[in-house]
């Protein structure tokens, strides 16, 4: 039996490429002692400083009890600080520390290199077209094109420590 043409296997190919991209990104973040979930939280706090833990959990599509250990781990490593809210003293705002901002810059470099390597077989026009089409499909399926909502799936107790 012949395999269907690639245009008839698009979902399968997207799944394969997504798994490959996720795996490679996880390897790269592990090299600096982070998980992809850590990276996502740092990225989100870099764009939206001052979120509460509940608001962060909502944005990530996770229950707050899954986010607390993740934030605890980032705080212990000096990447995130909990700051008492000025508007509601019962709440804490989450903010990147100076070290967290530095790590976020490193993560951006890692992400840019990762994307460039993944898209290397394409021309710049093809890469731009692919990005446009994937953004269109993501939007049509109510996906956030800036946020990977998988924090709830990863065991926050398994974060790796930076290698010495």
C-alpha atoms as a PDB file:
ATOM      1  CA  UNK A   1       0.000   0.000   0.000  1.00  0.00           C
ATOM      2  CA  UNK A   2       1.373   3.405  -0.987  1.00  0.00           C
ATOM      3  CA  UNK A   3       1.769   6.160   1.572  1.00  0.00           C
ATOM      4  CA  UNK A   4      -0.599   9.070   1.129  1.00  0.00           C
ATOM      5  CA  UNK A   5       0.913  12.226  -0.319  1.00  0.00           C
ATOM      6  CA  UNK A   6       2.361  14.677   2.224  1.00  0.00           C
ATOM      7  CA  UNK A   7      -0.631  16.982   1.724  1.00  0.00           C
ATOM      8  CA  UNK A   8      -2.865  14.184   3.048  1.00  0.00           C
ATOM      9  CA  UNK A   9      -0.669  13.694   6.136  1.00  0.00           C
ATOM     10  CA  UNK A  10      -0.290  17.298   7.272  1.00  0.00           C
ATOM     11  CA  UNK A  11      -1.539  16.714  10.823  1.00  0.00           C
ATOM     12  CA  UNK A  12       0.850  13.789  11.234  1.00  0.00           C
ATOM     13  CA  UNK A  13       3.793  15.810   9.919  1.00  0.00           C
ATOM     14  CA  UNK A  14       2.906  18.753  12.178  1.00  0.00           C
ATOM     15  CA  UNK A  15       2.789  16.375  15.134  1.00  0.00           C
ATOM     16  CA  UNK A  16       6.166  14.863  14.240  1.00  0.00           C
ATOM     17  CA  UNK A  17       7.803  18.269  13.791  1.00  0.00           C
ATOM     18  CA  UNK A  18       6.198  19.577  16.976  1.00  0.00           C
ATOM     19  CA  UNK A  19       7.554  16.640  18.965  1.00  0.00           C
ATOM     20  CA  UNK A  20      11.011  17.100  17.438  1.00  0.00           C
ATOM     21  CA  UNK A  21      11.011  20.852  18.104  1.00  0.00           C
ATOM     22  CA  UNK A  22       9.832  20.341  21.698  1.00  0.00           C
ATOM     23  CA  UNK A  23      12.442  17.679  22.374  1.00  0.00           C
ATOM     24  CA  UNK A  24      15.295  19.758  20.967  1.00  0.00           C
ATOM     25  CA  UNK A  25      14.187  22.857  22.867  1.00  0.00           C
ATOM     26  CA  UNK A  26      14.003  20.836  26.096  1.00  0.00           C
ATOM     27  CA  UNK A  27      17.585  19.650  25.511  1.00  0.00           C
ATOM     28  CA  UNK A  28      18.752  23.232  25.065  1.00  0.00           C
ATOM     29  CA  UNK A  29      16.967  24.564  28.136  1.00  0.00           C
ATOM     30  CA  UNK A  30      18.262  21.639  30.180  1.00  0.00           C
ATOM     31  CA  UNK A  31      21.809  22.785  29.336  1.00  0.00           C
ATOM     32  CA  UNK A  32      21.170  25.950  31.373  1.00  0.00           C
ATOM     33  CA  UNK A  33      19.347  24.130  34.169  1.00  0.00           C
ATOM     34  CA  UNK A  34      15.784  24.917  33.108  1.00  0.00           C
ATOM     35  CA  UNK A  35      12.769  23.044  31.832  1.00  0.00           C
ATOM     36  CA  UNK A  36      10.596  24.315  28.983  1.00  0.00           C
ATOM     37  CA  UNK A  37       7.975  25.176  31.631  1.00  0.00           C
ATOM     38  CA  UNK A  38      10.542  27.292  33.494  1.00  0.00           C
ATOM     39  CA  UNK A  39      11.332  29.027  30.220  1.00  0.00           C
ATOM     40  CA  UNK A  40       7.647  29.678  29.543  1.00  0.00           C
ATOM     41  CA  UNK A  41       7.093  31.210  32.969  1.00  0.00           C
ATOM     42  CA  UNK A  42      10.154  33.448  32.644  1.00  0.00           C
ATOM     43  CA  UNK A  43       9.039  34.541  29.183  1.00  0.00           C
ATOM     44  CA  UNK A  44       5.519  35.310  30.377  1.00  0.00           C
ATOM     45  CA  UNK A  45       6.749  37.271  33.405  1.00  0.00           C
ATOM     46  CA  UNK A  46       9.132  39.161  31.143  1.00  0.00           C
ATOM     47  CA  UNK A  47       6.174  40.306  29.038  1.00  0.00           C
ATOM     48  CA  UNK A  48       3.677  40.718  31.877  1.00  0.00           C
ATOM     49  CA  UNK A  49       5.509  41.598  35.098  1.00  0.00           C
ATOM     50  CA  UNK A  50       3.448  41.710  38.267  1.00  0.00           C
ATOM     51  CA  UNK A  51       1.092  38.821  37.576  1.00  0.00           C
ATOM     52  CA  UNK A  52      -0.279  37.035  40.619  1.00  0.00           C
ATOM     53  CA  UNK A  53       0.238  33.283  40.885  1.00  0.00           C
ATOM     54  CA  UNK A  54      -3.448  32.781  40.102  1.00  0.00           C
ATOM     55  CA  UNK A  55      -3.276  35.026  37.025  1.00  0.00           C
ATOM     56  CA  UNK A  56      -0.132  33.225  35.888  1.00  0.00           C
ATOM     57  CA  UNK A  57      -1.849  29.852  36.316  1.00  0.00           C
ATOM     58  CA  UNK A  58      -4.847  31.116  34.336  1.00  0.00           C
ATOM     59  CA  UNK A  59      -2.610  32.344  31.510  1.00  0.00           C
ATOM     60  CA  UNK A  60      -0.802  29.002  31.436  1.00  0.00           C
ATOM     61  CA  UNK A  61      -3.998  26.958  31.560  1.00  0.00           C
ATOM     62  CA  UNK A  62      -2.836  25.221  34.734  1.00  0.00           C
ATOM     63  CA  UNK A  63      -4.250  24.881  38.213  1.00  0.00           C
ATOM     64  CA  UNK A  64      -2.522  27.135  40.774  1.00  0.00           C
ATOM     65  CA  UNK A  65      -1.328  24.137  42.803  1.00  0.00           C
ATOM     66  CA  UNK A  66       0.818  23.066  39.810  1.00  0.00           C
ATOM     67  CA  UNK A  67       2.286  26.549  39.392  1.00  0.00           C
ATOM     68  CA  UNK A  68       3.304  27.141  43.030  1.00  0.00           C
ATOM     69  CA  UNK A  69       6.167  24.579  43.063  1.00  0.00           C
ATOM     70  CA  UNK A  70       7.378  25.910  39.725  1.00  0.00           C
ATOM     71  CA  UNK A  71       7.511  29.472  41.082  1.00  0.00           C
ATOM     72  CA  UNK A  72       9.100  28.202  44.315  1.00  0.00           C
ATOM     73  CA  UNK A  73      11.877  26.579  42.284  1.00  0.00           C
ATOM     74  CA  UNK A  74      12.476  29.721  40.212  1.00  0.00           C
ATOM     75  CA  UNK A  75      12.497  31.827  43.377  1.00  0.00           C
ATOM     76  CA  UNK A  76      15.024  29.565  45.134  1.00  0.00           C
ATOM     77  CA  UNK A  77      17.298  29.914  42.095  1.00  0.00           C
ATOM     78  CA  UNK A  78      17.005  33.700  42.280  1.00  0.00           C
ATOM     79  CA  UNK A  79      15.175  34.105  38.963  1.00  0.00           C
ATOM     80  CA  UNK A  80      11.760  35.244  40.236  1.00  0.00           C
ATOM     81  CA  UNK A  81      10.698  37.328  43.224  1.00  0.00           C
ATOM     82  CA  UNK A  82       7.353  37.468  44.982  1.00  0.00           C
ATOM     83  CA  UNK A  83       6.609  41.117  45.783  1.00  0.00           C
ATOM     84  CA  UNK A  84       3.686  42.208  47.966  1.00  0.00           C
ATOM     85  CA  UNK A  85       1.046  43.918  45.817  1.00  0.00           C
ATOM     86  CA  UNK A  86       0.654  47.642  46.432  1.00  0.00           C
ATOM     87  CA  UNK A  87      -3.032  47.525  45.514  1.00  0.00           C
ATOM     88  CA  UNK A  88      -3.988  44.379  47.453  1.00  0.00           C
ATOM     89  CA  UNK A  89      -1.722  43.549  50.388  1.00  0.00           C
ATOM     90  CA  UNK A  90      -3.130  39.997  50.484  1.00  0.00           C
ATOM     91  CA  UNK A  91      -1.575  39.193  47.116  1.00  0.00           C
ATOM     92  CA  UNK A  92       1.934  38.880  45.776  1.00  0.00           C
ATOM     93  CA  UNK A  93       3.090  39.927  42.341  1.00  0.00           C
ATOM     94  CA  UNK A  94       5.615  37.832  40.454  1.00  0.00           C
ATOM     95  CA  UNK A  95       8.564  39.660  38.943  1.00  0.00           C
ATOM     96  CA  UNK A  96      11.799  38.665  37.281  1.00  0.00           C
ATOM     97  CA  UNK A  97      14.924  39.418  39.264  1.00  0.00           C
ATOM     98  CA  UNK A  98      17.979  40.883  37.523  1.00  0.00           C
ATOM     99  CA  UNK A  99      19.304  37.323  37.204  1.00  0.00           C
ATOM    100  CA  UNK A 100      15.928  36.187  35.833  1.00  0.00           C
ATOM    101  CA  UNK A 101      16.063  38.928  33.183  1.00  0.00           C
ATOM    102  CA  UNK A 102      19.592  37.818  32.273  1.00  0.00           C
ATOM    103  CA  UNK A 103      18.466  34.188  31.941  1.00  0.00           C
ATOM    104  CA  UNK A 104      15.504  35.333  29.836  1.00  0.00           C
ATOM    105  CA  UNK A 105      17.911  37.041  27.412  1.00  0.00           C
ATOM    106  CA  UNK A 106      19.849  33.773  27.176  1.00  0.00           C
ATOM    107  CA  UNK A 107      16.596  31.892  26.549  1.00  0.00           C
ATOM    108  CA  UNK A 108      15.731  34.266  23.716  1.00  0.00           C
ATOM    109  CA  UNK A 109      19.104  33.561  22.107  1.00  0.00           C
ATOM    110  CA  UNK A 110      18.535  29.825  22.525  1.00  0.00           C
ATOM    111  CA  UNK A 111      15.045  30.097  20.990  1.00  0.00           C
ATOM    112  CA  UNK A 112      16.311  32.115  18.013  1.00  0.00           C
ATOM    113  CA  UNK A 113      19.084  29.600  17.319  1.00  0.00           C
ATOM    114  CA  UNK A 114      16.639  26.710  17.775  1.00  0.00           C
ATOM    115  CA  UNK A 115      14.192  28.200  15.278  1.00  0.00           C
ATOM    116  CA  UNK A 116      16.926  29.028  12.768  1.00  0.00           C
ATOM    117  CA  UNK A 117      18.216  25.443  12.883  1.00  0.00           C
ATOM    118  CA  UNK A 118      14.737  23.967  12.562  1.00  0.00           C
ATOM    119  CA  UNK A 119      13.889  26.176   9.578  1.00  0.00           C
ATOM    120  CA  UNK A 120      17.328  25.979   7.910  1.00  0.00           C
ATOM    121  CA  UNK A 121      16.111  23.751   5.032  1.00  0.00           C
ATOM    122  CA  UNK A 122      13.625  26.468   3.975  1.00  0.00           C
ATOM    123  CA  UNK A 123      14.228  29.719   2.150  1.00  0.00           C
ATOM    124  CA  UNK A 124      13.428  32.864   4.121  1.00  0.00           C
ATOM    125  CA  UNK A 125      10.257  33.256   2.030  1.00  0.00           C
ATOM    126  CA  UNK A 126       9.172  29.683   2.765  1.00  0.00           C
ATOM    127  CA  UNK A 127       9.890  30.115   6.476  1.00  0.00           C
ATOM    128  CA  UNK A 128       7.827  33.324   6.549  1.00  0.00           C
ATOM    129  CA  UNK A 129       4.969  31.640   4.680  1.00  0.00           C
ATOM    130  CA  UNK A 130       5.057  28.649   7.028  1.00  0.00           C
ATOM    131  CA  UNK A 131       4.970  30.972  10.042  1.00  0.00           C
ATOM    132  CA  UNK A 132       1.990  32.839   8.614  1.00  0.00           C
ATOM    133  CA  UNK A 133       0.090  29.623   7.875  1.00  0.00           C
ATOM    134  CA  UNK A 134       0.817  28.129  11.296  1.00  0.00           C
ATOM    135  CA  UNK A 135      -0.290  31.352  13.012  1.00  0.00           C
ATOM    136  CA  UNK A 136      -3.509  31.239  10.978  1.00  0.00           C
ATOM    137  CA  UNK A 137      -4.159  27.616  11.974  1.00  0.00           C
ATOM    138  CA  UNK A 138      -3.316  28.380  15.602  1.00  0.00           C
ATOM    139  CA  UNK A 139      -5.736  31.296  15.660  1.00  0.00           C
ATOM    140  CA  UNK A 140      -8.482  29.236  14.034  1.00  0.00           C
ATOM    141  CA  UNK A 141      -8.032  26.662  16.797  1.00  0.00           C
ATOM    142  CA  UNK A 142      -8.011  29.272  19.594  1.00  0.00           C
ATOM    143  CA  UNK A 143      -4.352  28.667  20.448  1.00  0.00           C
ATOM    144  CA  UNK A 144      -2.199  31.414  21.907  1.00  0.00           C
ATOM    145  CA  UNK A 145       0.555  31.993  19.354  1.00  0.00           C
ATOM    146  CA  UNK A 146       2.901  33.278  22.068  1.00  0.00           C
ATOM    147  CA  UNK A 147       2.359  30.770  24.849  1.00  0.00           C
ATOM    148  CA  UNK A 148       2.878  27.030  25.163  1.00  0.00           C
ATOM    149  CA  UNK A 149       0.209  25.901  27.627  1.00  0.00           C
ATOM    150  CA  UNK A 150       1.776  22.729  28.996  1.00  0.00           C
ATOM    151  CA  UNK A 151       2.893  23.619  32.525  1.00  0.00           C
ATOM    152  CA  UNK A 152       0.230  21.383  34.037  1.00  0.00           C
ATOM    153  CA  UNK A 153       1.711  18.321  32.331  1.00  0.00           C
ATOM    154  CA  UNK A 154       5.242  18.591  33.620  1.00  0.00           C
ATOM    155  CA  UNK A 155       6.155  17.476  37.119  1.00  0.00           C
ATOM    156  CA  UNK A 156       7.557  20.630  38.719  1.00  0.00           C
ATOM    157  CA  UNK A 157       9.603  18.510  41.111  1.00  0.00           C
ATOM    158  CA  UNK A 158      11.824  17.329  38.262  1.00  0.00           C
ATOM    159  CA  UNK A 159      13.497  20.581  37.358  1.00  0.00           C
ATOM    160  CA  UNK A 160      17.150  20.150  36.642  1.00  0.00           C
ATOM    161  CA  UNK A 161      19.834  22.142  38.343  1.00  0.00           C
ATOM    162  CA  UNK A 162      22.459  24.060  36.383  1.00  0.00           C
ATOM    163  CA  UNK A 163      25.508  22.012  35.561  1.00  0.00           C
ATOM    164  CA  UNK A 164      28.682  23.118  37.301  1.00  0.00           C
END
